[in-house]
């Protein structure tokens, strides 16, 4: 079982508190599907409310830390060496349609010895399954067993090395996003030579599941820092290779490829 540090305990408590409202509101979404306007405004409020709960709890336990928030933008803290990166609801479209596949994602950046800030802690929490994926830099990556109070187990990526036996995940550009033609070429290259491609609608969970060996690899372009900050650390601490498809810092570019060492070259060849 992983020994939780003080900061990871604080982050997990904030995620669990926010999840209570998300679960309660999610149970109402099904009833709203029949309304002509649908549940969009309701879900937007649930998203913002969850973010407020997370920020309130983290500010109480770590006053002075800054924030980069999906909904609330950037909040400057008096402590310039630490910043939380928060996505209170990754998989909003799933949530909106009553699909139980979404997550809370929280990462912590820290400046060490005057160097640029780097991710040192991250968690991805699926409130529906009660799976908490988490990692701290240099300490490995873990997931609980999906039952409250259950033992944690270390995450390890898939060891498959044959591309046609491998299962990959990705994200599809939606309305208003560029890159549809490029994505279709990439999809053709991967699905035509592999065991399959999945698109479940949460980049955070895609990374967590790749770290857990459920997927053999993941790629996507145009993601925001809050979509992948926690997942990048979790995947790397599990033993995955994580790179930017466009060079540079993967969290900043948002163009990500993640897989094991054996599959990185063939996957990059098809989507790079």
Protein backbone atom coordinates (compact mmCIF):
# COMPACT_ATOMS: atom_id res chain seq x y z
CA UNK A 1 0.00 0.00 0.00
CA UNK A 2 1.29 3.49 -0.85
CA UNK A 3 2.19 5.74 2.02
CA UNK A 4 0.42 9.02 1.26
CA UNK A 5 2.37 12.21 1.83
CA UNK A 6 0.70 15.19 3.45
CA UNK A 7 0.17 16.93 0.11
CA UNK A 8 -1.30 13.85 -1.57
CA UNK A 9 -3.65 13.38 1.37
CA UNK A 10 -4.81 16.99 0.98
CA UNK A 11 -5.33 16.58 -2.78
CA UNK A 12 -7.27 13.34 -2.42
CA UNK A 13 -9.50 14.80 0.27
CA UNK A 14 -10.32 17.78 -1.97
CA UNK A 15 -11.15 15.47 -4.89
CA UNK A 16 -13.42 13.27 -2.79
CA UNK A 17 -15.28 16.25 -1.36
CA UNK A 18 -15.90 17.68 -4.83
CA UNK A 19 -16.99 14.28 -6.09
CA UNK A 20 -19.98 14.17 -3.75
CA UNK A 21 -21.66 17.04 -5.54
CA UNK A 22 -20.73 15.67 -8.96
CA UNK A 23 -22.29 12.29 -8.15
CA UNK A 24 -25.43 13.90 -6.74
CA UNK A 25 -25.85 16.10 -9.80
CA UNK A 26 -24.98 13.26 -12.18
CA UNK A 27 -27.90 11.29 -10.79
CA UNK A 28 -30.16 14.16 -11.89
CA UNK A 29 -28.81 14.38 -15.44
CA UNK A 30 -30.83 11.41 -16.67
CA UNK A 31 -34.05 13.13 -15.64
CA UNK A 32 -33.02 16.27 -17.52
CA UNK A 33 -32.33 14.49 -20.81
CA UNK A 34 -36.00 14.67 -21.77
CA UNK A 35 -36.08 18.47 -21.44
CA UNK A 36 -35.88 20.33 -24.74
CA UNK A 37 -32.98 22.51 -23.63
CA UNK A 38 -31.25 19.52 -22.10
CA UNK A 39 -28.99 19.58 -19.04
CA UNK A 40 -26.20 21.81 -20.42
CA UNK A 41 -26.65 24.71 -17.99
CA UNK A 42 -27.12 22.30 -15.11
CA UNK A 43 -23.85 20.50 -15.93
CA UNK A 44 -21.99 23.80 -16.33
CA UNK A 45 -23.05 24.75 -12.81
CA UNK A 46 -22.01 21.34 -11.47
CA UNK A 47 -18.58 21.76 -13.10
CA UNK A 48 -18.03 25.19 -11.57
CA UNK A 49 -19.34 24.09 -8.19
CA UNK A 50 -16.90 21.16 -8.09
CA UNK A 51 -14.04 23.50 -8.96
CA UNK A 52 -15.03 25.86 -6.17
CA UNK A 53 -15.04 23.01 -3.65
CA UNK A 54 -11.58 21.87 -4.77
CA UNK A 55 -10.11 25.38 -4.61
CA UNK A 56 -11.68 26.11 -1.23
CA UNK A 57 -10.23 22.95 0.29
CA UNK A 58 -6.79 23.31 -1.26
CA UNK A 59 -6.54 26.99 -0.30
CA UNK A 60 -7.46 26.13 3.28
CA UNK A 61 -4.80 23.43 3.56
CA UNK A 62 -2.13 25.08 1.38
CA UNK A 63 -2.66 28.85 1.64
CA UNK A 64 -0.61 30.88 -0.78
CA UNK A 65 -0.40 28.27 -3.53
CA UNK A 66 -1.46 29.43 -6.98
CA UNK A 67 -3.99 27.79 -9.31
CA UNK A 68 -4.50 27.14 -13.00
CA UNK A 69 -8.18 26.23 -13.39
CA UNK A 70 -10.24 25.04 -16.33
CA UNK A 71 -13.19 27.21 -15.32
CA UNK A 72 -11.67 29.97 -13.22
CA UNK A 73 -8.47 30.68 -15.11
CA UNK A 74 -5.28 31.51 -13.24
CA UNK A 75 -5.15 32.56 -9.59
CA UNK A 76 -1.84 34.03 -8.50
CA UNK A 77 -0.65 32.87 -5.10
CA UNK A 78 1.73 34.50 -2.67
CA UNK A 79 3.85 31.32 -2.91
CA UNK A 80 5.24 31.58 -6.45
CA UNK A 81 6.95 28.17 -6.23
CA UNK A 82 3.74 26.10 -6.12
CA UNK A 83 0.70 25.93 -8.39
CA UNK A 84 -2.22 23.50 -8.56
CA UNK A 85 -3.59 22.60 -12.01
CA UNK A 86 -7.23 21.56 -11.72
CA UNK A 87 -9.83 20.05 -14.03
CA UNK A 88 -12.95 19.51 -11.90
CA UNK A 89 -14.74 17.50 -14.59
CA UNK A 90 -12.74 15.88 -17.37
CA UNK A 91 -15.28 14.22 -19.63
CA UNK A 92 -17.93 16.94 -19.52
CA UNK A 93 -19.69 15.69 -22.66
CA UNK A 94 -20.01 12.22 -21.13
CA UNK A 95 -21.41 13.75 -17.96
CA UNK A 96 -23.80 15.88 -20.00
CA UNK A 97 -25.20 12.77 -21.70
CA UNK A 98 -25.41 10.64 -18.58
CA UNK A 99 -22.41 8.47 -19.48
CA UNK A 100 -20.57 7.37 -16.30
CA UNK A 101 -17.02 7.96 -17.54
CA UNK A 102 -15.50 11.18 -16.21
CA UNK A 103 -12.90 12.26 -13.69
CA UNK A 104 -11.49 14.93 -11.42
CA UNK A 105 -7.86 15.75 -12.21
CA UNK A 106 -5.53 17.65 -9.85
CA UNK A 107 -1.80 18.19 -10.34
CA UNK A 108 0.77 20.17 -8.35
CA UNK A 109 3.65 22.06 -9.93
CA UNK A 110 6.68 22.95 -7.84
CA UNK A 111 9.71 25.12 -8.56
CA UNK A 112 12.88 23.44 -7.34
CA UNK A 113 16.18 25.31 -7.00
CA UNK A 114 15.07 28.12 -9.29
CA UNK A 115 14.34 25.79 -12.20
CA UNK A 116 11.03 26.01 -14.13
CA UNK A 117 8.13 24.46 -12.25
CA UNK A 118 7.55 20.74 -12.82
CA UNK A 119 4.71 18.40 -11.92
CA UNK A 120 5.51 16.68 -8.62
CA UNK A 121 2.12 15.23 -7.64
CA UNK A 122 -1.02 14.25 -9.51
CA UNK A 123 -4.28 12.40 -9.11
CA UNK A 124 -7.13 11.34 -11.37
CA UNK A 125 -10.31 10.30 -9.60
CA UNK A 126 -13.35 8.60 -11.16
CA UNK A 127 -16.19 9.19 -8.68
CA UNK A 128 -18.43 6.56 -10.27
CA UNK A 129 -15.99 3.66 -9.88
CA UNK A 130 -14.19 5.18 -6.86
CA UNK A 131 -10.87 4.57 -8.61
CA UNK A 132 -8.16 6.97 -7.45
CA UNK A 133 -5.05 6.98 -9.66
CA UNK A 134 -2.18 8.95 -8.12
CA UNK A 135 1.55 9.53 -8.21
CA UNK A 136 4.31 11.66 -6.75
CA UNK A 137 7.56 12.31 -8.54
CA UNK A 138 10.09 9.58 -7.82
CA UNK A 139 7.66 7.48 -5.77
CA UNK A 140 5.82 5.43 -8.38
CA UNK A 141 2.17 5.44 -9.44
CA UNK A 142 -0.73 3.70 -7.74
CA UNK A 143 -4.47 3.04 -7.88
CA UNK A 144 -6.80 2.00 -5.10
CA UNK A 145 -8.84 -1.16 -5.59
CA UNK A 146 -12.08 0.71 -6.28
CA UNK A 147 -13.53 0.15 -2.83
CA UNK A 148 -13.23 2.67 -0.07
CA UNK A 149 -10.49 1.71 2.34
CA UNK A 150 -9.10 -0.93 -0.03
CA UNK A 151 -5.41 -1.56 -0.60
CA UNK A 152 -3.50 0.44 -3.21
CA UNK A 153 -1.61 -1.33 -5.98
CA UNK A 154 1.30 -0.13 -8.07
CA UNK A 155 0.58 0.76 -11.68
CA UNK A 156 2.54 -0.83 -14.50
CA UNK A 157 2.10 -0.26 -18.23
CA UNK A 158 1.33 -3.02 -20.70
CA UNK A 159 4.35 -4.99 -21.88
CA UNK A 160 2.94 -5.82 -25.30
CA UNK A 161 5.47 -5.36 -28.06
CA UNK A 162 3.50 -6.49 -31.12
CA UNK A 163 1.59 -3.60 -32.67
CA UNK A 164 -1.22 -5.68 -34.19
CA UNK A 165 -2.01 -7.13 -30.74
CA UNK A 166 -2.18 -3.69 -29.09
CA UNK A 167 -5.18 -1.57 -28.11
CA UNK A 168 -4.90 2.21 -28.28
CA UNK A 169 -6.97 5.17 -27.12
CA UNK A 170 -7.31 8.67 -28.53
CA UNK A 171 -9.50 11.73 -28.66
CA UNK A 172 -11.41 12.92 -31.72
CA UNK A 173 -11.51 16.66 -32.55
CA UNK A 174 -15.06 17.85 -32.00
CA UNK A 175 -17.08 20.70 -33.53
CA UNK A 176 -15.03 23.89 -33.76
CA UNK A 177 -11.67 22.17 -33.25
CA UNK A 178 -9.12 21.95 -36.09
CA UNK A 179 -7.28 18.86 -37.26
CA UNK A 180 -10.09 16.58 -38.45
CA UNK A 181 -8.35 15.55 -41.69
CA UNK A 182 -5.03 14.88 -39.93
CA UNK A 183 -6.78 12.86 -37.25
CA UNK A 184 -8.53 10.67 -39.81
CA UNK A 185 -5.18 9.85 -41.41
CA UNK A 186 -3.71 8.96 -38.03
CA UNK A 187 -6.73 6.85 -37.13
CA UNK A 188 -6.49 4.98 -40.41
CA UNK A 189 -2.82 4.24 -39.79
CA UNK A 190 -3.38 2.93 -36.26
CA UNK A 191 -6.65 1.06 -36.56
CA UNK A 192 -5.54 -0.64 -39.77
CA UNK A 193 -2.54 -2.22 -38.04
CA UNK A 194 -3.67 -2.77 -34.42
CA UNK A 195 -6.21 -4.64 -32.30
CA UNK A 196 -8.32 -1.51 -32.12
CA UNK A 197 -8.75 2.12 -31.08
CA UNK A 198 -11.04 3.40 -28.34
CA UNK A 199 -12.40 6.91 -27.83
CA UNK A 200 -14.11 7.15 -24.43
CA UNK A 201 -14.06 10.91 -23.95
CA UNK A 202 -11.70 11.62 -21.04
CA UNK A 203 -8.03 12.28 -21.72
CA UNK A 204 -7.25 12.08 -18.00
CA UNK A 205 -8.70 8.58 -17.74
CA UNK A 206 -7.06 7.59 -21.04
CA UNK A 207 -3.67 8.37 -19.50
CA UNK A 208 -4.55 6.66 -16.22
CA UNK A 209 -5.73 3.55 -18.05
CA UNK A 210 -2.57 3.49 -20.17
CA UNK A 211 -0.52 3.71 -16.97
CA UNK A 212 -2.55 0.77 -15.63
CA UNK A 213 -1.94 -1.35 -18.74
CA UNK A 214 -5.57 -1.35 -19.86
CA UNK A 215 -4.59 0.51 -23.00
CA UNK A 216 -1.28 -0.12 -24.72
CA UNK A 217 -0.94 3.50 -25.79
CA UNK A 218 -2.66 6.87 -26.15
CA UNK A 219 -2.28 9.88 -28.39
CA UNK A 220 -4.16 13.15 -28.82
CA UNK A 221 -3.55 16.72 -29.95
CA UNK A 222 -4.72 20.11 -28.79
CA UNK A 223 -5.24 19.31 -25.10
CA UNK A 224 -5.09 21.87 -22.29
CA UNK A 225 -2.67 21.62 -19.35
CA UNK A 226 -5.47 20.67 -16.94
CA UNK A 227 -6.45 17.76 -19.21
CA UNK A 228 -3.09 16.01 -18.94
CA UNK A 229 -0.88 17.48 -16.17
CA UNK A 230 -1.76 14.83 -13.58
CA UNK A 231 -1.92 12.03 -16.16
CA UNK A 232 1.54 12.76 -17.55
CA UNK A 233 3.12 12.30 -14.12
CA UNK A 234 1.06 9.19 -13.33
CA UNK A 235 1.98 7.58 -16.66
CA UNK A 236 5.67 8.38 -16.31
CA UNK A 237 5.83 7.17 -12.73
CA UNK A 238 4.14 3.93 -13.83
CA UNK A 239 6.89 3.40 -16.40
CA UNK A 240 5.33 4.72 -19.60
CA UNK A 241 7.17 6.87 -22.10
CA UNK A 242 5.40 10.21 -22.56
CA UNK A 243 6.41 12.71 -25.24
CA UNK A 244 5.08 15.72 -27.10
CA UNK A 245 4.15 15.04 -30.73
CA UNK A 246 5.30 18.55 -31.61
CA UNK A 247 8.41 18.79 -29.45
CA UNK A 248 8.90 20.76 -26.27
CA UNK A 249 7.09 20.40 -22.97
CA UNK A 250 4.19 18.00 -23.41
CA UNK A 251 1.93 19.71 -20.85
CA UNK A 252 2.45 23.07 -22.54
CA UNK A 253 2.01 21.84 -26.13
CA UNK A 254 -0.94 19.55 -25.39
CA UNK A 255 0.10 17.20 -28.21
CA UNK A 256 0.73 13.93 -26.43
CA UNK A 257 1.82 10.39 -27.15
CA UNK A 258 2.07 7.85 -24.34
CA UNK A 259 2.94 4.15 -24.52
CA UNK A 260 5.55 1.61 -23.47
CA UNK A 261 9.12 1.58 -24.74
CA UNK A 262 8.52 -1.16 -27.31
CA UNK A 263 5.55 0.52 -28.98
CA UNK A 264 6.70 4.14 -28.95
CA UNK A 265 8.53 4.05 -32.29
CA UNK A 266 5.80 2.25 -34.30
CA UNK A 267 3.02 4.36 -32.79
CA UNK A 268 4.93 7.60 -33.37
CA UNK A 269 5.60 6.54 -36.94
CA UNK A 270 1.85 6.34 -37.54
CA UNK A 271 0.72 9.48 -35.70
CA UNK A 272 3.81 11.67 -35.52
